[in-house]
């Protein structure tokens, strides 16, 4: 690069943006699942399985599959 073109290479910028989007979405998902599961005690099964445990784990699996779909779409495309 010369002194007049001091910006990032477009490919590096695009790759860095993919990394940051992936990290941010994963951290947000983990924060929301951890907060709802452990702070509100929805993931903890005491004596028996309750309806809210089933709802939590259903939402957990659905949101995990959506997160993985997001990762697939972000990383498969070139643009």
PDB file of N, CA and C in Angstrom:
ATOM      1  N   UNK A   1       0.832  -1.186   0.000  1.00  0.00           N
ATOM      2  CA  UNK A   1       0.000   0.000   0.000  1.00  0.00           C
ATOM      3  C   UNK A   1       0.871   1.243   0.000  1.00  0.00           C
ATOM      4  N   UNK A   2       0.418   2.232  -0.676  1.00  0.00           N
ATOM      5  CA  UNK A   2       1.170   3.484  -0.691  1.00  0.00           C
ATOM      6  C   UNK A   2       0.640   4.418   0.393  1.00  0.00           C
ATOM      7  N   UNK A   3       1.263   5.574   0.503  1.00  0.00           N
ATOM      8  CA  UNK A   3       0.897   6.495   1.572  1.00  0.00           C
ATOM      9  C   UNK A   3      -0.457   7.155   1.353  1.00  0.00           C
ATOM     10  N   UNK A   4      -0.997   7.116   0.138  1.00  0.00           N
ATOM     11  CA  UNK A   4      -2.277   7.741  -0.144  1.00  0.00           C
ATOM     12  C   UNK A   4      -3.447   6.797   0.101  1.00  0.00           C
ATOM     13  N   UNK A   5      -3.201   5.515   0.122  1.00  0.00           N
ATOM     14  CA  UNK A   5      -4.247   4.513   0.325  1.00  0.00           C
ATOM     15  C   UNK A   5      -3.976   3.812   1.654  1.00  0.00           C
ATOM     16  N   UNK A   6      -4.362   4.449   2.754  1.00  0.00           N
ATOM     17  CA  UNK A   6      -4.055   3.907   4.066  1.00  0.00           C
ATOM     18  C   UNK A   6      -5.222   3.149   4.681  1.00  0.00           C
ATOM     19  N   UNK A   7      -6.293   2.949   3.959  1.00  0.00           N
ATOM     20  CA  UNK A   7      -7.435   2.213   4.473  1.00  0.00           C
ATOM     21  C   UNK A   7      -7.173   0.712   4.468  1.00  0.00           C
ATOM     22  N   UNK A   8      -8.102  -0.010   5.024  1.00  0.00           N
ATOM     23  CA  UNK A   8      -7.982  -1.462   5.053  1.00  0.00           C
ATOM     24  C   UNK A   8      -8.268  -2.031   3.676  1.00  0.00           C
ATOM     25  N   UNK A   9      -7.699  -3.173   3.420  1.00  0.00           N
ATOM     26  CA  UNK A   9      -8.013  -3.919   2.209  1.00  0.00           C
ATOM     27  C   UNK A   9      -9.488  -4.344   2.304  1.00  0.00           C
ATOM     28  N   UNK A  10     -10.263  -4.216   1.240  1.00  0.00           N
ATOM     29  CA  UNK A  10     -11.695  -4.555   1.317  1.00  0.00           C
ATOM     30  C   UNK A  10     -11.954  -6.005   1.737  1.00  0.00           C
ATOM     31  N   UNK A  11     -11.111  -6.930   1.314  1.00  0.00           N
ATOM     32  CA  UNK A  11     -11.311  -8.325   1.708  1.00  0.00           C
ATOM     33  C   UNK A  11     -11.064  -8.526   3.193  1.00  0.00           C
ATOM     34  N   UNK A  12     -10.052  -7.859   3.730  1.00  0.00           N
ATOM     35  CA  UNK A  12      -9.753  -7.957   5.158  1.00  0.00           C
ATOM     36  C   UNK A  12     -10.873  -7.315   5.971  1.00  0.00           C
ATOM     37  N   UNK A  13     -11.369  -6.195   5.490  1.00  0.00           N
ATOM     38  CA  UNK A  13     -12.462  -5.513   6.169  1.00  0.00           C
ATOM     39  C   UNK A  13     -13.716  -6.382   6.190  1.00  0.00           C
ATOM     40  N   UNK A  14     -14.014  -7.031   5.083  1.00  0.00           N
ATOM     41  CA  UNK A  14     -15.178  -7.911   4.996  1.00  0.00           C
ATOM     42  C   UNK A  14     -15.020  -9.118   5.920  1.00  0.00           C
ATOM     43  N   UNK A  15     -13.841  -9.698   5.957  1.00  0.00           N
ATOM     44  CA  UNK A  15     -13.568 -10.847   6.821  1.00  0.00           C
ATOM     45  C   UNK A  15     -13.666 -10.444   8.292  1.00  0.00           C
ATOM     46  N   UNK A  16     -13.118  -9.281   8.642  1.00  0.00           N
ATOM     47  CA  UNK A  16     -13.194  -8.787  10.017  1.00  0.00           C
ATOM     48  C   UNK A  16     -14.638  -8.524  10.427  1.00  0.00           C
ATOM     49  N   UNK A  17     -15.430  -7.992   9.512  1.00  0.00           N
ATOM     50  CA  UNK A  17     -16.844  -7.757   9.797  1.00  0.00           C
ATOM     51  C   UNK A  17     -17.588  -9.071  10.053  1.00  0.00           C
ATOM     52  N   UNK A  18     -17.254 -10.116   9.298  1.00  0.00           N
ATOM     53  CA  UNK A  18     -17.868 -11.426   9.542  1.00  0.00           C
ATOM     54  C   UNK A  18     -17.506 -11.947  10.926  1.00  0.00           C
ATOM     55  N   UNK A  19     -16.244 -11.793  11.303  1.00  0.00           N
ATOM     56  CA  UNK A  19     -15.795 -12.250  12.617  1.00  0.00           C
ATOM     57  C   UNK A  19     -16.525 -11.499  13.721  1.00  0.00           C
ATOM     58  N   UNK A  20     -16.614 -10.192  13.594  1.00  0.00           N
ATOM     59  CA  UNK A  20     -17.260  -9.391  14.631  1.00  0.00           C
ATOM     60  C   UNK A  20     -18.760  -9.668  14.719  1.00  0.00           C
ATOM     61  N   UNK A  21     -19.419  -9.832  13.582  1.00  0.00           N
ATOM     62  CA  UNK A  21     -20.841 -10.170  13.604  1.00  0.00           C
ATOM     63  C   UNK A  21     -21.073 -11.527  14.252  1.00  0.00           C
ATOM     64  N   UNK A  22     -20.230 -12.493  13.923  1.00  0.00           N
ATOM     65  CA  UNK A  22     -20.364 -13.823  14.509  1.00  0.00           C
ATOM     66  C   UNK A  22     -20.137 -13.789  16.013  1.00  0.00           C
ATOM     67  N   UNK A  23     -19.099 -13.087  16.435  1.00  0.00           N
ATOM     68  CA  UNK A  23     -18.813 -12.991  17.862  1.00  0.00           C
ATOM     69  C   UNK A  23     -19.931 -12.277  18.615  1.00  0.00           C
ATOM     70  N   UNK A  24     -20.416 -11.175  18.070  1.00  0.00           N
ATOM     71  CA  UNK A  24     -21.458 -10.401  18.736  1.00  0.00           C
ATOM     72  C   UNK A  24     -22.758 -11.190  18.849  1.00  0.00           C
ATOM     73  N   UNK A  25     -23.136 -11.870  17.785  1.00  0.00           N
ATOM     74  CA  UNK A  25     -24.377 -12.633  17.828  1.00  0.00           C
ATOM     75  C   UNK A  25     -24.261 -13.819  18.789  1.00  0.00           C
ATOM     76  N   UNK A  26     -23.113 -14.481  18.791  1.00  0.00           N
ATOM     77  CA  UNK A  26     -22.908 -15.589  19.715  1.00  0.00           C
ATOM     78  C   UNK A  26     -22.894 -15.128  21.159  1.00  0.00           C
ATOM     79  N   UNK A  27     -22.258 -14.001  21.434  1.00  0.00           N
ATOM     80  CA  UNK A  27     -22.217 -13.468  22.799  1.00  0.00           C
ATOM     81  C   UNK A  27     -23.612 -13.040  23.256  1.00  0.00           C
ATOM     82  N   UNK A  28     -24.374 -12.406  22.379  1.00  0.00           N
ATOM     83  CA  UNK A  28     -25.734 -12.009  22.715  1.00  0.00           C
ATOM     84  C   UNK A  28     -26.601 -13.225  23.001  1.00  0.00           C
ATOM     85  N   UNK A  29     -26.493 -14.259  22.171  1.00  0.00           N
ATOM     86  CA  UNK A  29     -27.267 -15.480  22.372  1.00  0.00           C
ATOM     87  C   UNK A  29     -26.895 -16.126  23.702  1.00  0.00           C
ATOM     88  N   UNK A  30     -25.610 -16.223  23.971  1.00  0.00           N
ATOM     89  CA  UNK A  30     -25.156 -16.844  25.213  1.00  0.00           C
ATOM     90  C   UNK A  30     -25.616 -16.045  26.429  1.00  0.00           C
ATOM     91  N   UNK A  31     -25.572 -14.732  26.344  1.00  0.00           N
ATOM     92  CA  UNK A  31     -26.024 -13.887  27.442  1.00  0.00           C
ATOM     93  C   UNK A  31     -27.514 -14.072  27.706  1.00  0.00           C
ATOM     94  N   UNK A  32     -28.315 -14.070  26.659  1.00  0.00           N
ATOM     95  CA  UNK A  32     -29.762 -14.220  26.832  1.00  0.00           C
ATOM     96  C   UNK A  32     -30.145 -15.598  27.342  1.00  0.00           C
ATOM     97  N   UNK A  33     -29.515 -16.635  26.812  1.00  0.00           N
ATOM     98  CA  UNK A  33     -29.815 -17.992  27.269  1.00  0.00           C
ATOM     99  C   UNK A  33     -29.343 -18.182  28.706  1.00  0.00           C
ATOM    100  N   UNK A  34     -28.150 -17.701  29.019  1.00  0.00           N
ATOM    101  CA  UNK A  34     -27.643 -17.840  30.378  1.00  0.00           C
ATOM    102  C   UNK A  34     -28.474 -17.069  31.386  1.00  0.00           C
ATOM    103  N   UNK A  35     -28.875 -15.855  31.032  1.00  0.00           N
ATOM    104  CA  UNK A  35     -29.689 -15.049  31.929  1.00  0.00           C
ATOM    105  C   UNK A  35     -31.047 -15.697  32.166  1.00  0.00           C
ATOM    106  N   UNK A  36     -31.700 -16.081  31.085  1.00  0.00           N
ATOM    107  CA  UNK A  36     -33.033 -16.661  31.247  1.00  0.00           C
ATOM    108  C   UNK A  36     -32.966 -18.053  31.872  1.00  0.00           C
ATOM    109  N   UNK A  37     -31.925 -18.790  31.591  1.00  0.00           N
ATOM    110  CA  UNK A  37     -31.847 -20.148  32.113  1.00  0.00           C
ATOM    111  C   UNK A  37     -31.433 -20.244  33.560  1.00  0.00           C
ATOM    112  N   UNK A  38     -30.437 -19.473  33.963  1.00  0.00           N
ATOM    113  CA  UNK A  38     -29.905 -19.622  35.306  1.00  0.00           C
ATOM    114  C   UNK A  38     -30.339 -18.515  36.261  1.00  0.00           C
ATOM    115  N   UNK A  39     -30.420 -17.286  35.817  1.00  0.00           N
ATOM    116  CA  UNK A  39     -30.852 -16.212  36.705  1.00  0.00           C
ATOM    117  C   UNK A  39     -32.344 -16.332  37.033  1.00  0.00           C
ATOM    118  N   UNK A  40     -33.143 -16.747  36.056  1.00  0.00           N
ATOM    119  CA  UNK A  40     -34.567 -16.924  36.291  1.00  0.00           C
ATOM    120  C   UNK A  40     -34.922 -18.372  36.606  1.00  0.00           C
ATOM    121  N   UNK A  41     -33.906 -19.232  36.694  1.00  0.00           N
ATOM    122  CA  UNK A  41     -34.050 -20.638  37.080  1.00  0.00           C
ATOM    123  C   UNK A  41     -34.998 -21.420  36.165  1.00  0.00           C
ATOM    124  N   UNK A  42     -34.954 -21.115  34.876  1.00  0.00           N
ATOM    125  CA  UNK A  42     -35.776 -21.860  33.926  1.00  0.00           C
ATOM    126  C   UNK A  42     -35.090 -23.142  33.468  1.00  0.00           C
ATOM    127  N   UNK A  43     -33.768 -23.191  33.543  1.00  0.00           N
ATOM    128  CA  UNK A  43     -33.031 -24.362  33.081  1.00  0.00           C
ATOM    129  C   UNK A  43     -32.843 -25.398  34.186  1.00  0.00           C
ATOM    130  N   UNK A  44     -33.094 -25.006  35.417  1.00  0.00           N
ATOM    131  CA  UNK A  44     -32.833 -25.887  36.553  1.00  0.00           C
ATOM    132  C   UNK A  44     -34.046 -26.774  36.798  1.00  0.00           C
ATOM    133  N   UNK A  45     -33.810 -28.066  36.775  1.00  0.00           N
ATOM    134  CA  UNK A  45     -34.871 -29.043  37.026  1.00  0.00           C
ATOM    135  C   UNK A  45     -34.707 -29.527  38.460  1.00  0.00           C
ATOM    136  N   UNK A  46     -35.708 -29.267  39.301  1.00  0.00           N
ATOM    137  CA  UNK A  46     -35.611 -29.667  40.706  1.00  0.00           C
ATOM    138  C   UNK A  46     -36.183 -31.061  40.907  1.00  0.00           C
ATOM    139  N   UNK A  47     -37.387 -31.188  41.328  1.00  0.00           N
ATOM    140  CA  UNK A  47     -37.976 -32.497  41.614  1.00  0.00           C
ATOM    141  C   UNK A  47     -38.418 -33.212  40.349  1.00  0.00           C
ATOM    142  N   UNK A  48     -39.052 -32.490  39.474  1.00  0.00           N
ATOM    143  CA  UNK A  48     -39.507 -33.074  38.217  1.00  0.00           C
ATOM    144  C   UNK A  48     -39.462 -31.998  37.139  1.00  0.00           C
ATOM    145  N   UNK A  49     -39.676 -32.427  35.921  1.00  0.00           N
ATOM    146  CA  UNK A  49     -39.674 -31.494  34.798  1.00  0.00           C
ATOM    147  C   UNK A  49     -40.993 -30.735  34.800  1.00  0.00           C
ATOM    148  N   UNK A  50     -40.900 -29.433  34.747  1.00  0.00           N
ATOM    149  CA  UNK A  50     -42.083 -28.575  34.733  1.00  0.00           C
ATOM    150  C   UNK A  50     -42.284 -28.026  33.319  1.00  0.00           C
ATOM    151  N   UNK A  51     -43.437 -27.425  33.113  1.00  0.00           N
ATOM    152  CA  UNK A  51     -43.758 -26.933  31.776  1.00  0.00           C
ATOM    153  C   UNK A  51     -42.796 -25.845  31.332  1.00  0.00           C
ATOM    154  N   UNK A  52     -42.353 -24.981  32.260  1.00  0.00           N
ATOM    155  CA  UNK A  52     -41.446 -23.902  31.874  1.00  0.00           C
ATOM    156  C   UNK A  52     -40.051 -24.424  31.541  1.00  0.00           C
ATOM    157  N   UNK A  53     -39.657 -25.590  32.105  1.00  0.00           N
ATOM    158  CA  UNK A  53     -38.399 -26.207  31.705  1.00  0.00           C
ATOM    159  C   UNK A  53     -38.472 -26.669  30.252  1.00  0.00           C
ATOM    160  N   UNK A  54     -39.589 -27.261  29.890  1.00  0.00           N
ATOM    161  CA  UNK A  54     -39.766 -27.728  28.514  1.00  0.00           C
ATOM    162  C   UNK A  54     -39.796 -26.564  27.534  1.00  0.00           C
ATOM    163  N   UNK A  55     -40.463 -25.481  27.906  1.00  0.00           N
ATOM    164  CA  UNK A  55     -40.514 -24.302  27.046  1.00  0.00           C
ATOM    165  C   UNK A  55     -39.113 -23.715  26.892  1.00  0.00           C
ATOM    166  N   UNK A  56     -38.373 -23.623  28.012  1.00  0.00           N
ATOM    167  CA  UNK A  56     -37.019 -23.068  27.945  1.00  0.00           C
ATOM    168  C   UNK A  56     -36.135 -23.896  27.021  1.00  0.00           C
ATOM    169  N   UNK A  57     -36.142 -25.219  27.191  1.00  0.00           N
ATOM    170  CA  UNK A  57     -35.279 -26.045  26.355  1.00  0.00           C
ATOM    171  C   UNK A  57     -35.737 -26.082  24.901  1.00  0.00           C
ATOM    172  N   UNK A  58     -37.036 -25.937  24.656  1.00  0.00           N
ATOM    173  CA  UNK A  58     -37.524 -25.809  23.289  1.00  0.00           C
ATOM    174  C   UNK A  58     -37.036 -24.523  22.638  1.00  0.00           C
ATOM    175  N   UNK A  59     -37.137 -23.419  23.380  1.00  0.00           N
ATOM    176  CA  UNK A  59     -36.646 -22.138  22.880  1.00  0.00           C
ATOM    177  C   UNK A  59     -35.130 -22.184  22.707  1.00  0.00           C
ATOM    178  N   UNK A  60     -34.442 -22.869  23.631  1.00  0.00           N
ATOM    179  CA  UNK A  60     -32.994 -23.030  23.532  1.00  0.00           C
ATOM    180  C   UNK A  60     -32.607 -23.734  22.229  1.00  0.00           C
ATOM    181  N   UNK A  61     -33.262 -24.844  21.937  1.00  0.00           N
ATOM    182  CA  UNK A  61     -32.937 -25.584  20.706  1.00  0.00           C
ATOM    183  C   UNK A  61     -33.305 -24.796  19.450  1.00  0.00           C
ATOM    184  N   UNK A  62     -34.445 -24.130  19.478  1.00  0.00           N
ATOM    185  CA  UNK A  62     -34.858 -23.324  18.325  1.00  0.00           C
ATOM    186  C   UNK A  62     -33.891 -22.167  18.098  1.00  0.00           C
ATOM    187  N   UNK A  63     -33.525 -21.471  19.168  1.00  0.00           N
ATOM    188  CA  UNK A  63     -32.620 -20.339  19.009  1.00  0.00           C
ATOM    189  C   UNK A  63     -31.213 -20.793  18.625  1.00  0.00           C
ATOM    190  N   UNK A  64     -30.778 -21.948  19.120  1.00  0.00           N
ATOM    191  CA  UNK A  64     -29.477 -22.483  18.716  1.00  0.00           C
ATOM    192  C   UNK A  64     -29.466 -22.827  17.236  1.00  0.00           C
ATOM    193  N   UNK A  65     -30.560 -23.421  16.753  1.00  0.00           N
ATOM    194  CA  UNK A  65     -30.612 -23.742  15.329  1.00  0.00           C
ATOM    195  C   UNK A  65     -30.646 -22.469  14.478  1.00  0.00           C
ATOM    196  N   UNK A  66     -31.327 -21.425  14.953  1.00  0.00           N
ATOM    197  CA  UNK A  66     -31.337 -20.154  14.227  1.00  0.00           C
ATOM    198  C   UNK A  66     -29.964 -19.489  14.259  1.00  0.00           C
ATOM    199  N   UNK A  67     -29.248 -19.606  15.369  1.00  0.00           N
ATOM    200  CA  UNK A  67     -27.895 -19.060  15.450  1.00  0.00           C
ATOM    201  C   UNK A  67     -26.965 -19.791  14.485  1.00  0.00           C
ATOM    202  N   UNK A  68     -27.064 -21.096  14.421  1.00  0.00           N
ATOM    203  CA  UNK A  68     -26.234 -21.856  13.494  1.00  0.00           C
ATOM    204  C   UNK A  68     -26.582 -21.539  12.041  1.00  0.00           C
ATOM    205  N   UNK A  69     -27.860 -21.321  11.763  1.00  0.00           N
ATOM    206  CA  UNK A  69     -28.278 -20.914  10.421  1.00  0.00           C
ATOM    207  C   UNK A  69     -27.709 -19.535  10.081  1.00  0.00           C
ATOM    208  N   UNK A  70     -27.711 -18.641  11.046  1.00  0.00           N
ATOM    209  CA  UNK A  70     -27.105 -17.320  10.854  1.00  0.00           C
ATOM    210  C   UNK A  70     -25.624 -17.458  10.534  1.00  0.00           C
ATOM    211  N   UNK A  71     -24.904 -18.293  11.299  1.00  0.00           N
ATOM    212  CA  UNK A  71     -23.482 -18.517  11.040  1.00  0.00           C
ATOM    213  C   UNK A  71     -23.260 -19.092   9.639  1.00  0.00           C
ATOM    214  N   UNK A  72     -24.088 -20.031   9.251  1.00  0.00           N
ATOM    215  CA  UNK A  72     -23.950 -20.637   7.930  1.00  0.00           C
ATOM    216  C   UNK A  72     -24.136 -19.593   6.828  1.00  0.00           C
ATOM    217  N   UNK A  73     -25.147 -18.753   6.982  1.00  0.00           N
ATOM    218  CA  UNK A  73     -25.414 -17.746   5.947  1.00  0.00           C
ATOM    219  C   UNK A  73     -24.328 -16.672   5.895  1.00  0.00           C
ATOM    220  N   UNK A  74     -23.787 -16.309   7.045  1.00  0.00           N
ATOM    221  CA  UNK A  74     -22.742 -15.298   7.073  1.00  0.00           C
ATOM    222  C   UNK A  74     -21.481 -15.826   6.422  1.00  0.00           C
ATOM    223  N   UNK A  75     -21.116 -17.059   6.716  1.00  0.00           N
ATOM    224  CA  UNK A  75     -19.816 -17.563   6.282  1.00  0.00           C
ATOM    225  C   UNK A  75     -19.830 -18.238   4.914  1.00  0.00           C
ATOM    226  N   UNK A  76     -21.004 -18.564   4.365  1.00  0.00           N
ATOM    227  CA  UNK A  76     -21.013 -19.222   3.055  1.00  0.00           C
ATOM    228  C   UNK A  76     -20.924 -18.232   1.908  1.00  0.00           C
ATOM    229  N   UNK A  77     -21.442 -17.043   2.118  1.00  0.00           N
ATOM    230  CA  UNK A  77     -21.487 -16.086   1.008  1.00  0.00           C
ATOM    231  C   UNK A  77     -20.154 -15.370   0.859  1.00  0.00           C
ATOM    232  N   UNK A  78     -19.885 -14.941  -0.345  1.00  0.00           N
ATOM    233  CA  UNK A  78     -18.647 -14.232  -0.621  1.00  0.00           C
ATOM    234  C   UNK A  78     -18.771 -12.749  -0.344  1.00  0.00           C
ATOM    235  N   UNK A  79     -19.968 -12.217  -0.405  1.00  0.00           N
ATOM    236  CA  UNK A  79     -20.154 -10.778  -0.272  1.00  0.00           C
ATOM    237  C   UNK A  79     -20.645 -10.316   1.033  1.00  0.00           C
TER     238      UNK A  79
END
